[in-house]
Protein backbone atom coordinates (compact mmCIF):
# COMPACT_ATOMS: atom_id res chain seq x y z
CA MET A 1 -5.71 12.91 12.33
CA SER A 2 -8.04 15.06 10.28
CA LEU A 3 -10.04 13.68 7.39
CA GLU A 4 -7.92 15.65 4.92
CA GLU A 5 -4.70 14.22 6.36
CA LEU A 6 -6.14 10.72 6.32
CA ASN A 7 -7.13 11.09 2.66
CA LYS A 8 -3.60 12.24 1.78
CA VAL A 9 -2.09 9.25 3.58
CA ILE A 10 -4.45 6.90 1.76
CA GLU A 11 -3.61 8.39 -1.64
CA VAL A 12 0.14 8.07 -1.02
CA LYS A 13 -0.26 4.45 0.08
CA LYS A 14 -2.38 3.65 -2.98
CA MET A 15 0.24 5.15 -5.30
CA ASP A 16 3.00 3.25 -3.49
CA LEU A 17 1.01 0.03 -3.74
CA GLU A 18 0.46 0.48 -7.49
CA GLU A 19 4.14 1.24 -8.06
CA CYS A 20 5.32 -1.77 -6.04
CA GLU A 21 2.93 -4.12 -7.81
CA HIS A 22 4.03 -2.77 -11.18
CA GLU A 23 7.73 -3.14 -10.33
CA LEU A 24 7.24 -6.64 -8.97
CA ASN A 25 5.42 -7.76 -12.12
CA ASN A 26 7.65 -6.06 -14.69
CA ARG A 27 11.22 -6.33 -13.46
CA TYR A 28 13.53 -9.08 -12.34
CA TYR A 29 14.46 -9.11 -8.67
CA PRO A 30 16.25 -11.78 -6.61
CA SER A 31 13.95 -14.04 -4.59
CA ILE A 32 14.64 -12.35 -1.25
CA VAL A 33 13.78 -8.94 -2.69
CA ARG A 34 10.59 -10.31 -4.24
CA ILE A 35 9.57 -11.77 -0.88
CA ALA A 36 10.22 -8.46 0.86
CA MET A 37 8.24 -6.58 -1.80
CA MET A 38 5.33 -9.02 -1.51
CA ASN A 39 5.32 -8.58 2.28
CA TYR A 40 5.33 -4.81 1.84
CA ILE A 41 2.43 -5.04 -0.64
CA VAL A 42 0.42 -7.16 1.81
CA ASN A 43 1.12 -4.65 4.60
CA LEU A 44 0.00 -1.76 2.41
CA GLN A 45 -3.18 -3.60 1.45
CA GLU A 46 -3.99 -4.27 5.12
CA GLN A 47 -3.33 -0.63 6.04
CA LEU A 48 -5.60 0.57 3.23
CA LYS A 49 -8.38 -1.76 4.41
CA LYS A 50 -8.00 -0.33 7.92
CA HIS A 51 -8.13 3.23 6.59
CA ASP A 52 -11.23 2.42 4.54
CA ASN A 53 -12.92 1.12 7.70
CA ASP A 54 -11.85 4.25 9.60
CA LEU A 55 -13.42 6.45 6.92
CA ILE A 56 -16.66 4.47 7.12
CA ASN A 57 -16.77 4.95 10.89
CA LEU A 58 -16.20 8.74 10.76
């Protein structure tokens, strides 16, 4: 993956993370949906950390 492609992926994931966090904090969802959203947020955060480390190692 090129650096440009990696940067695009990171930006999309950051926007998705912000949107999910905003939705989770500002709307009512049933418990099971909230759990799924929290898991997704954690996965996105881990992926972004991995991408940040990949950029450092380039």
